[in-house]
Amino acid sequence: MKELAKRGAAVTGEAADERVRVKRAIERIRGELHDIHTEHSRLRDLVDVSFHPYWGSLLKQDNELSIFGQQVEAYADVYMRRVSCLRHYSPMQFFRSPHDLMPHEL
């Protein structure tokens, strides 16, 4: 009986040590996450001030196109040297520019 109680106490002590180790690891990770959030906020503010102070970014809102950006994409003209350049395309062809990352998204 005493031996069983000693073994139980040893297991309880090991569990407590493991619990303390895990709690310290979690606190360390939370600190790192806080540092990452702080750095992200600083960089986001730095990007925001590079745009017009009132209008901001006209074509993008976060990672998506703004409403204005969507309208530009939908209604922008295709510029060609001459109309005959279009002869190889169907009248139903939808021209779309490739998705490029903007400088602040790199």
N, C-alpha and C. Protein backbone atom coordinates (compact mmCIF):
# COMPACT_ATOMS: atom_id res chain seq x y z
N MET A 1 0.81 -1.19 0.00
CA MET A 1 0.00 0.00 0.00
C MET A 1 0.85 1.26 0.00
N LYS A 2 1.87 1.28 0.87
CA LYS A 2 2.74 2.44 0.94
C LYS A 2 3.49 2.63 -0.38
N GLU A 3 3.86 1.52 -0.98
CA GLU A 3 4.58 1.58 -2.25
C GLU A 3 3.69 2.18 -3.34
N LEU A 4 2.42 1.79 -3.35
CA LEU A 4 1.45 2.33 -4.31
C LEU A 4 1.26 3.82 -4.09
N ALA A 5 1.22 4.28 -2.87
CA ALA A 5 1.06 5.69 -2.55
C ALA A 5 2.29 6.47 -3.01
N LYS A 6 3.50 5.89 -2.81
CA LYS A 6 4.73 6.56 -3.26
C LYS A 6 4.74 6.70 -4.77
N ARG A 7 4.33 5.62 -5.47
CA ARG A 7 4.29 5.67 -6.93
C ARG A 7 3.29 6.72 -7.40
N GLY A 8 2.14 6.80 -6.74
CA GLY A 8 1.13 7.80 -7.09
C GLY A 8 1.65 9.20 -6.86
N ALA A 9 2.40 9.41 -5.78
CA ALA A 9 2.97 10.72 -5.50
C ALA A 9 4.01 11.09 -6.55
N ALA A 10 4.80 10.11 -6.99
CA ALA A 10 5.82 10.36 -8.01
C ALA A 10 5.15 10.74 -9.33
N VAL A 11 4.08 10.04 -9.68
CA VAL A 11 3.36 10.35 -10.91
C VAL A 11 2.74 11.74 -10.80
N THR A 12 2.18 12.08 -9.66
CA THR A 12 1.56 13.39 -9.45
C THR A 12 2.62 14.48 -9.57
N GLY A 13 3.81 14.25 -9.01
CA GLY A 13 4.90 15.22 -9.11
C GLY A 13 5.35 15.41 -10.54
N GLU A 14 5.46 14.32 -11.29
CA GLU A 14 5.85 14.42 -12.70
C GLU A 14 4.79 15.16 -13.50
N ALA A 15 3.55 14.89 -13.21
CA ALA A 15 2.45 15.57 -13.91
C ALA A 15 2.48 17.07 -13.60
N ALA A 16 2.75 17.40 -12.35
CA ALA A 16 2.82 18.82 -11.98
C ALA A 16 3.98 19.50 -12.69
N ASP A 17 5.12 18.82 -12.77
CA ASP A 17 6.27 19.39 -13.47
C ASP A 17 5.96 19.60 -14.95
N GLU A 18 5.31 18.62 -15.54
CA GLU A 18 4.93 18.72 -16.96
C GLU A 18 3.94 19.87 -17.16
N ARG A 19 3.02 20.01 -16.24
CA ARG A 19 2.03 21.09 -16.33
C ARG A 19 2.71 22.45 -16.26
N VAL A 20 3.68 22.61 -15.38
CA VAL A 20 4.43 23.87 -15.26
C VAL A 20 5.20 24.14 -16.54
N ARG A 21 5.83 23.10 -17.10
CA ARG A 21 6.60 23.25 -18.34
C ARG A 21 5.69 23.69 -19.49
N VAL A 22 4.51 23.08 -19.58
CA VAL A 22 3.57 23.44 -20.64
C VAL A 22 3.06 24.86 -20.46
N LYS A 23 2.77 25.25 -19.23
CA LYS A 23 2.30 26.62 -18.98
C LYS A 23 3.37 27.65 -19.37
N ARG A 24 4.62 27.36 -19.06
CA ARG A 24 5.70 28.28 -19.45
C ARG A 24 5.82 28.37 -20.96
N ALA A 25 5.68 27.24 -21.65
CA ALA A 25 5.75 27.23 -23.11
C ALA A 25 4.60 28.05 -23.70
N ILE A 26 3.42 27.91 -23.12
CA ILE A 26 2.27 28.66 -23.61
C ILE A 26 2.48 30.15 -23.40
N GLU A 27 2.99 30.54 -22.27
CA GLU A 27 3.25 31.96 -22.00
C GLU A 27 4.31 32.52 -22.96
N ARG A 28 5.33 31.73 -23.25
CA ARG A 28 6.37 32.15 -24.19
C ARG A 28 5.77 32.35 -25.58
N ILE A 29 4.92 31.43 -26.00
CA ILE A 29 4.27 31.53 -27.31
C ILE A 29 3.33 32.72 -27.36
N ARG A 30 2.61 32.97 -26.28
CA ARG A 30 1.72 34.14 -26.23
C ARG A 30 2.52 35.43 -26.36
N GLY A 31 3.68 35.47 -25.72
CA GLY A 31 4.54 36.64 -25.84
C GLY A 31 5.01 36.84 -27.27
N GLU A 32 5.40 35.75 -27.92
CA GLU A 32 5.82 35.84 -29.33
C GLU A 32 4.66 36.29 -30.21
N LEU A 33 3.47 35.77 -29.95
CA LEU A 33 2.29 36.16 -30.73
C LEU A 33 2.00 37.65 -30.53
N HIS A 34 2.13 38.13 -29.32
CA HIS A 34 1.92 39.56 -29.05
C HIS A 34 2.93 40.39 -29.83
N ASP A 35 4.20 39.96 -29.85
CA ASP A 35 5.22 40.67 -30.61
C ASP A 35 4.90 40.69 -32.10
N ILE A 36 4.40 39.58 -32.62
CA ILE A 36 4.03 39.49 -34.03
C ILE A 36 2.87 40.43 -34.34
N HIS A 37 1.86 40.47 -33.47
CA HIS A 37 0.73 41.38 -33.67
C HIS A 37 1.18 42.84 -33.63
N THR A 38 2.09 43.15 -32.72
CA THR A 38 2.61 44.51 -32.63
C THR A 38 3.34 44.90 -33.90
N GLU A 39 4.19 44.01 -34.40
CA GLU A 39 4.94 44.28 -35.64
C GLU A 39 3.99 44.40 -36.83
N HIS A 40 2.97 43.55 -36.89
CA HIS A 40 1.98 43.62 -37.97
C HIS A 40 1.26 44.96 -37.95
N SER A 41 0.86 45.41 -36.77
CA SER A 41 0.17 46.70 -36.66
C SER A 41 1.07 47.84 -37.11
N ARG A 42 2.34 47.78 -36.72
CA ARG A 42 3.28 48.83 -37.10
C ARG A 42 3.45 48.86 -38.62
N LEU A 43 3.60 47.70 -39.24
CA LEU A 43 3.77 47.64 -40.69
C LEU A 43 2.50 48.07 -41.43
N ARG A 44 1.34 47.67 -40.91
CA ARG A 44 0.07 48.07 -41.53
C ARG A 44 -0.07 49.58 -41.49
N ASP A 45 0.27 50.19 -40.36
CA ASP A 45 0.20 51.65 -40.25
C ASP A 45 1.18 52.32 -41.20
N LEU A 46 2.36 51.74 -41.35
CA LEU A 46 3.36 52.28 -42.27
C LEU A 46 2.85 52.24 -43.71
N VAL A 47 2.19 51.15 -44.09
CA VAL A 47 1.62 51.04 -45.44
C VAL A 47 0.47 52.03 -45.60
N ASP A 48 -0.37 52.15 -44.59
CA ASP A 48 -1.53 53.04 -44.69
C ASP A 48 -1.12 54.50 -44.91
N VAL A 49 -0.04 54.95 -44.28
CA VAL A 49 0.35 56.35 -44.45
C VAL A 49 0.98 56.60 -45.82
N SER A 50 1.31 55.55 -46.56
CA SER A 50 1.87 55.75 -47.89
C SER A 50 0.80 56.07 -48.92
N PHE A 51 -0.47 55.91 -48.57
CA PHE A 51 -1.57 56.22 -49.48
C PHE A 51 -2.10 57.62 -49.19
N HIS A 52 -3.00 58.06 -50.03
CA HIS A 52 -3.63 59.38 -49.85
C HIS A 52 -4.29 59.43 -48.48
N PRO A 53 -4.13 60.54 -47.74
CA PRO A 53 -4.66 60.59 -46.37
C PRO A 53 -6.19 60.50 -46.28
N TYR A 54 -6.89 60.92 -47.32
CA TYR A 54 -8.36 60.88 -47.27
C TYR A 54 -8.91 59.67 -48.02
N TRP A 55 -8.43 59.43 -49.22
CA TRP A 55 -8.97 58.36 -50.06
C TRP A 55 -8.36 57.00 -49.76
N GLY A 56 -7.16 56.98 -49.29
CA GLY A 56 -6.50 55.70 -49.03
C GLY A 56 -6.16 54.99 -50.33
N SER A 57 -6.17 53.69 -50.29
CA SER A 57 -5.91 52.89 -51.49
C SER A 57 -7.18 52.85 -52.32
N LEU A 58 -7.08 53.28 -53.56
CA LEU A 58 -8.28 53.34 -54.40
C LEU A 58 -8.69 52.00 -54.98
N LEU A 59 -7.72 51.16 -55.30
CA LEU A 59 -8.04 49.93 -56.02
C LEU A 59 -8.15 48.71 -55.11
N LYS A 60 -7.61 48.77 -53.93
CA LYS A 60 -7.63 47.60 -53.05
C LYS A 60 -8.19 47.96 -51.69
N GLN A 61 -8.86 47.00 -51.10
CA GLN A 61 -9.31 47.11 -49.71
C GLN A 61 -8.86 45.82 -49.05
N ASP A 62 -7.88 45.91 -48.20
CA ASP A 62 -7.21 44.74 -47.62
C ASP A 62 -6.65 43.91 -48.78
N ASN A 63 -7.04 42.66 -48.90
CA ASN A 63 -6.51 41.81 -49.98
C ASN A 63 -7.46 41.70 -51.16
N GLU A 64 -8.57 42.38 -51.11
CA GLU A 64 -9.58 42.31 -52.17
C GLU A 64 -9.62 43.61 -52.96
N LEU A 65 -10.19 43.55 -54.14
CA LEU A 65 -10.40 44.77 -54.91
C LEU A 65 -11.47 45.62 -54.22
N SER A 66 -11.28 46.92 -54.22
CA SER A 66 -12.31 47.82 -53.71
C SER A 66 -13.45 47.86 -54.73
N ILE A 67 -14.54 48.50 -54.38
CA ILE A 67 -15.66 48.62 -55.32
C ILE A 67 -15.19 49.38 -56.56
N PHE A 68 -14.40 50.43 -56.36
CA PHE A 68 -13.85 51.16 -57.49
C PHE A 68 -12.94 50.26 -58.32
N GLY A 69 -12.12 49.46 -57.65
CA GLY A 69 -11.25 48.52 -58.36
C GLY A 69 -12.03 47.52 -59.18
N GLN A 70 -13.15 47.06 -58.64
CA GLN A 70 -14.01 46.12 -59.38
C GLN A 70 -14.60 46.79 -60.62
N GLN A 71 -14.99 48.06 -60.47
CA GLN A 71 -15.54 48.78 -61.62
C GLN A 71 -14.48 49.01 -62.69
N VAL A 72 -13.27 49.34 -62.26
CA VAL A 72 -12.18 49.52 -63.23
C VAL A 72 -11.93 48.21 -63.96
N GLU A 73 -11.91 47.11 -63.22
CA GLU A 73 -11.67 45.81 -63.84
C GLU A 73 -12.78 45.46 -64.83
N ALA A 74 -14.03 45.78 -64.47
CA ALA A 74 -15.16 45.40 -65.32
C ALA A 74 -15.30 46.29 -66.55
N TYR A 75 -14.96 47.57 -66.43
CA TYR A 75 -15.27 48.51 -67.51
C TYR A 75 -14.05 49.13 -68.17
N ALA A 76 -12.86 48.72 -67.81
CA ALA A 76 -11.66 49.29 -68.43
C ALA A 76 -11.58 48.87 -69.89
N ASP A 77 -11.02 49.72 -70.69
CA ASP A 77 -10.87 49.45 -72.13
C ASP A 77 -9.63 48.60 -72.38
N VAL A 78 -9.67 47.90 -73.51
CA VAL A 78 -8.51 47.19 -73.99
C VAL A 78 -7.88 48.08 -75.06
N TYR A 79 -6.64 48.43 -74.88
CA TYR A 79 -5.97 49.31 -75.83
C TYR A 79 -5.12 48.48 -76.79
N MET A 80 -5.35 48.70 -78.07
CA MET A 80 -4.60 48.01 -79.11
C MET A 80 -4.16 49.04 -80.14
N ARG A 81 -3.15 48.67 -80.90
CA ARG A 81 -2.66 49.57 -81.93
C ARG A 81 -3.72 49.78 -83.01
N ARG A 82 -4.42 48.70 -83.36
CA ARG A 82 -5.50 48.81 -84.35
C ARG A 82 -6.53 47.71 -84.07
N VAL A 83 -7.69 47.91 -84.58
CA VAL A 83 -8.80 46.98 -84.34
C VAL A 83 -8.52 45.60 -84.91
N SER A 84 -7.76 45.54 -85.97
CA SER A 84 -7.48 44.26 -86.61
C SER A 84 -6.72 43.31 -85.68
N CYS A 85 -6.13 43.83 -84.62
CA CYS A 85 -5.44 42.97 -83.65
C CYS A 85 -6.43 42.03 -82.95
N LEU A 86 -7.70 42.39 -82.98
CA LEU A 86 -8.72 41.58 -82.30
C LEU A 86 -9.30 40.49 -83.18
N ARG A 87 -8.88 40.39 -84.44
CA ARG A 87 -9.52 39.46 -85.37
C ARG A 87 -9.41 38.00 -84.96
N HIS A 88 -8.44 37.64 -84.17
CA HIS A 88 -8.26 36.24 -83.77
C HIS A 88 -9.04 35.88 -82.50
N TYR A 89 -9.77 36.82 -81.97
CA TYR A 89 -10.52 36.58 -80.74
C TYR A 89 -12.01 36.50 -81.01
N SER A 90 -12.70 35.70 -80.24
CA SER A 90 -14.16 35.60 -80.33
C SER A 90 -14.78 36.91 -79.83
N PRO A 91 -15.96 37.25 -80.34
CA PRO A 91 -16.65 38.44 -79.82
C PRO A 91 -17.05 38.26 -78.35
N MET A 92 -17.06 37.03 -77.88
CA MET A 92 -17.42 36.76 -76.49
C MET A 92 -16.19 36.73 -75.57
N GLN A 93 -15.02 37.00 -76.10
CA GLN A 93 -13.78 36.96 -75.32
C GLN A 93 -13.84 37.98 -74.18
N PHE A 94 -13.49 37.53 -73.00
CA PHE A 94 -13.42 38.43 -71.84
C PHE A 94 -11.94 38.68 -71.57
N PHE A 95 -11.51 39.91 -71.70
CA PHE A 95 -10.12 40.25 -71.46
C PHE A 95 -9.94 40.65 -70.00
N ARG A 96 -8.95 40.04 -69.39
CA ARG A 96 -8.70 40.33 -67.98
C ARG A 96 -7.20 40.37 -67.76
N SER A 97 -6.77 41.36 -67.04
CA SER A 97 -5.33 41.44 -66.77
C SER A 97 -4.96 40.39 -65.74
N PRO A 98 -3.73 39.92 -65.78
CA PRO A 98 -3.31 38.93 -64.78
C PRO A 98 -3.30 39.56 -63.39
N HIS A 99 -3.55 38.74 -62.40
CA HIS A 99 -3.58 39.23 -61.03
C HIS A 99 -2.15 39.50 -60.58
N ASP A 100 -1.84 40.74 -60.38
CA ASP A 100 -0.51 41.11 -59.90
C ASP A 100 -0.64 41.61 -58.47
N LEU A 101 0.36 41.33 -57.68
CA LEU A 101 0.40 41.85 -56.33
C LEU A 101 0.83 43.31 -56.39
N MET A 102 0.20 44.12 -55.59
CA MET A 102 0.59 45.52 -55.51
C MET A 102 1.84 45.61 -54.63
N PRO A 103 2.60 46.68 -54.75
CA PRO A 103 3.87 46.78 -54.02
C PRO A 103 3.71 46.56 -52.51
N HIS A 104 2.62 47.01 -51.94
CA HIS A 104 2.47 46.86 -50.49
C HIS A 104 2.05 45.44 -50.10
N GLU A 105 1.75 44.58 -51.07
CA GLU A 105 1.37 43.20 -50.77
C GLU A 105 2.54 42.23 -50.90
N LEU A 106 3.68 42.71 -51.34
CA LEU A 106 4.83 41.83 -51.53
C LEU A 106 5.45 41.43 -50.22
